[in-house]
Amino acid sequence: SLSRTGQSSEIASSPHRIGVGKNLFAKKVTEDYTYIGQFSNGFDGNGLLINTKPEYIYDGNWKDGKMHGFGKLKMKITENGEYYEGHFKDSKKDGLVSSKV
């Protein structure tokens, strides 16, 4: 299975990939998550991750399999939970982040 930390061998051989070389666009579906977006060595570039264990959605920039750059993170996707929009670094909020309900 593909880890969020970088193994891209399964995506690279997936029939859902589009393009060649670096920064391919792909769709990866597992029991725990769906990822649609760019990858190089794992999630890398712009992408959408819908995770079910734990529940969250992240739509934004990735670097080396981590949330990195501008993005929007929504926790508890089955409820009207709040979301965070702003900058992330190494999957952590970084700098000014806007919280909304």
C-alpha atoms as a PDB file:
ATOM      1  CA  SER A   1       0.000   0.000   0.000  1.00  0.00           C
ATOM      2  CA  LEU A   2       1.027   3.603  -0.477  1.00  0.00           C
ATOM      3  CA  SER A   3       2.205   5.357   2.640  1.00  0.00           C
ATOM      4  CA  ARG A   4       1.648   9.055   3.165  1.00  0.00           C
ATOM      5  CA  THR A   5       5.379   9.341   3.674  1.00  0.00           C
ATOM      6  CA  GLY A   6       6.448   8.634   0.171  1.00  0.00           C
ATOM      7  CA  GLN A   7       6.261   5.215  -1.466  1.00  0.00           C
ATOM      8  CA  SER A   8       4.900   5.796  -4.956  1.00  0.00           C
ATOM      9  CA  SER A   9       5.488   2.425  -6.616  1.00  0.00           C
ATOM     10  CA  GLU A  10       1.818   1.408  -6.519  1.00  0.00           C
ATOM     11  CA  ILE A  11       0.611   4.746  -7.831  1.00  0.00           C
ATOM     12  CA  ALA A  12       3.258   4.735 -10.549  1.00  0.00           C
ATOM     13  CA  SER A  13       1.889   1.479 -11.913  1.00  0.00           C
ATOM     14  CA  SER A  14      -1.745   2.491 -11.384  1.00  0.00           C
ATOM     15  CA  PRO A  15      -4.030   2.719 -14.416  1.00  0.00           C
ATOM     16  CA  HIS A  16      -5.307   6.022 -12.970  1.00  0.00           C
ATOM     17  CA  ARG A  17      -2.068   7.939 -13.508  1.00  0.00           C
ATOM     18  CA  ILE A  18      -1.876  10.688 -16.099  1.00  0.00           C
ATOM     19  CA  GLY A  19       1.428  11.924 -17.518  1.00  0.00           C
ATOM     20  CA  VAL A  20       5.011  10.765 -17.441  1.00  0.00           C
ATOM     21  CA  GLY A  21       8.053  11.611 -15.362  1.00  0.00           C
ATOM     22  CA  LYS A  22       7.889  13.813 -12.293  1.00  0.00           C
ATOM     23  CA  ASN A  23       4.718  15.288 -10.847  1.00  0.00           C
ATOM     24  CA  LEU A  24       2.309  12.765 -12.278  1.00  0.00           C
ATOM     25  CA  PHE A  25      -1.389  13.193 -11.585  1.00  0.00           C
ATOM     26  CA  ALA A  26      -3.026  10.160 -10.037  1.00  0.00           C
ATOM     27  CA  LYS A  27      -5.975   8.814  -8.126  1.00  0.00           C
ATOM     28  CA  LYS A  28      -5.228   6.406  -5.297  1.00  0.00           C
ATOM     29  CA  VAL A  29      -7.987   4.712  -3.327  1.00  0.00           C
ATOM     30  CA  THR A  30      -7.459   2.490  -0.282  1.00  0.00           C
ATOM     31  CA  GLU A  31      -9.684   1.392   2.566  1.00  0.00           C
ATOM     32  CA  ASP A  32      -8.495   4.361   4.643  1.00  0.00           C
ATOM     33  CA  TYR A  33      -8.182   7.208   2.136  1.00  0.00           C
ATOM     34  CA  THR A  34      -8.616   8.591  -1.365  1.00  0.00           C
ATOM     35  CA  TYR A  35      -5.943  10.854  -2.851  1.00  0.00           C
ATOM     36  CA  ILE A  36      -6.313  12.734  -6.115  1.00  0.00           C
ATOM     37  CA  GLY A  37      -3.433  14.909  -7.161  1.00  0.00           C
ATOM     38  CA  GLN A  38       0.209  15.211  -8.082  1.00  0.00           C
ATOM     39  CA  PHE A  39       2.942  12.986  -6.781  1.00  0.00           C
ATOM     40  CA  SER A  40       6.635  12.451  -7.258  1.00  0.00           C
ATOM     41  CA  ASN A  41       7.966  10.610  -4.209  1.00  0.00           C
ATOM     42  CA  GLY A  42       4.629  10.321  -2.462  1.00  0.00           C
ATOM     43  CA  PHE A  43       2.114  13.145  -2.383  1.00  0.00           C
ATOM     44  CA  ASP A  44       3.988  16.077  -3.895  1.00  0.00           C
ATOM     45  CA  GLY A  45       2.385  19.143  -5.461  1.00  0.00           C
ATOM     46  CA  ASN A  46      -1.300  20.007  -5.369  1.00  0.00           C
ATOM     47  CA  GLY A  47      -3.723  17.335  -4.176  1.00  0.00           C
ATOM     48  CA  LEU A  48      -6.864  16.379  -2.312  1.00  0.00           C
ATOM     49  CA  LEU A  49      -6.782  13.756   0.446  1.00  0.00           C
ATOM     50  CA  ILE A  50      -9.982  12.366   1.936  1.00  0.00           C
ATOM     51  CA  ASN A  51      -8.977  10.321   4.955  1.00  0.00           C
ATOM     52  CA  THR A  52     -11.336   8.101   6.949  1.00  0.00           C
ATOM     53  CA  LYS A  53      -9.085   6.927   9.802  1.00  0.00           C
ATOM     54  CA  PRO A  54      -8.891   9.536  11.379  1.00  0.00           C
ATOM     55  CA  GLU A  55     -11.523  11.570   9.531  1.00  0.00           C
ATOM     56  CA  TYR A  56     -10.273  14.664   7.728  1.00  0.00           C
ATOM     57  CA  ILE A  57     -10.059  16.286   4.311  1.00  0.00           C
ATOM     58  CA  TYR A  58      -7.022  18.232   3.162  1.00  0.00           C
ATOM     59  CA  ASP A  59      -7.040  20.154  -0.101  1.00  0.00           C
ATOM     60  CA  GLY A  60      -3.808  21.943  -0.821  1.00  0.00           C
ATOM     61  CA  ASN A  61      -0.092  21.654  -1.373  1.00  0.00           C
ATOM     62  CA  TRP A  62       2.057  18.677  -0.448  1.00  0.00           C
ATOM     63  CA  LYS A  63       5.806  18.150  -0.178  1.00  0.00           C
ATOM     64  CA  ASP A  64       7.376  14.735   0.386  1.00  0.00           C
ATOM     65  CA  GLY A  65       4.060  13.245   1.551  1.00  0.00           C
ATOM     66  CA  LYS A  66       3.319  16.015   4.078  1.00  0.00           C
ATOM     67  CA  MET A  67       0.942  18.986   4.072  1.00  0.00           C
ATOM     68  CA  HIS A  68       3.236  21.831   3.059  1.00  0.00           C
ATOM     69  CA  GLY A  69       2.306  25.257   1.708  1.00  0.00           C
ATOM     70  CA  PHE A  70      -1.190  26.685   1.405  1.00  0.00           C
ATOM     71  CA  GLY A  71      -4.153  24.413   2.098  1.00  0.00           C
ATOM     72  CA  LYS A  72      -7.515  23.850   3.730  1.00  0.00           C
ATOM     73  CA  LEU A  73      -7.932  21.192   6.438  1.00  0.00           C
ATOM     74  CA  LYS A  74     -11.359  20.055   7.652  1.00  0.00           C
ATOM     75  CA  MET A  75     -11.612  17.664  10.585  1.00  0.00           C
ATOM     76  CA  LYS A  76     -14.563  15.356  11.383  1.00  0.00           C
ATOM     77  CA  ILE A  77     -15.851  15.240   7.809  1.00  0.00           C
ATOM     78  CA  THR A  78     -19.180  13.659   8.766  1.00  0.00           C
ATOM     79  CA  GLU A  79     -20.055  16.554  11.089  1.00  0.00           C
ATOM     80  CA  ASN A  80     -20.234  20.313  10.645  1.00  0.00           C
ATOM     81  CA  GLY A  81     -16.720  20.647  12.035  1.00  0.00           C
ATOM     82  CA  GLU A  82     -14.542  23.676  11.716  1.00  0.00           C
ATOM     83  CA  TYR A  83     -11.818  23.933   9.145  1.00  0.00           C
ATOM     84  CA  TYR A  84      -8.452  25.624   8.964  1.00  0.00           C
ATOM     85  CA  GLU A  85      -7.221  27.531   5.957  1.00  0.00           C
ATOM     86  CA  GLY A  86      -3.687  28.807   5.730  1.00  0.00           C
ATOM     87  CA  HIS A  87      -0.092  27.668   5.534  1.00  0.00           C
ATOM     88  CA  PHE A  88       1.265  24.329   6.640  1.00  0.00           C
ATOM     89  CA  LYS A  89       4.807  23.060   7.070  1.00  0.00           C
ATOM     90  CA  ASP A  90       5.614  19.375   7.611  1.00  0.00           C
ATOM     91  CA  SER A  91       1.867  18.673   8.194  1.00  0.00           C
ATOM     92  CA  LYS A  92       1.607  21.303  10.958  1.00  0.00           C
ATOM     93  CA  LYS A  93      -0.068  24.713  10.897  1.00  0.00           C
ATOM     94  CA  ASP A  94       2.518  27.356  10.132  1.00  0.00           C
ATOM     95  CA  GLY A  95       2.038  31.098  10.479  1.00  0.00           C
ATOM     96  CA  LEU A  96      -1.320  32.772  10.156  1.00  0.00           C
ATOM     97  CA  VAL A  97      -4.144  30.269   9.893  1.00  0.00           C
ATOM     98  CA  SER A  98      -7.816  31.137   9.565  1.00  0.00           C
ATOM     99  CA  SER A  99     -10.286  29.005  11.588  1.00  0.00           C
ATOM    100  CA  LYS A 100     -13.866  28.853  10.439  1.00  0.00           C
ATOM    101  CA  VAL A 101     -16.990  26.973  11.444  1.00  0.00           C
END
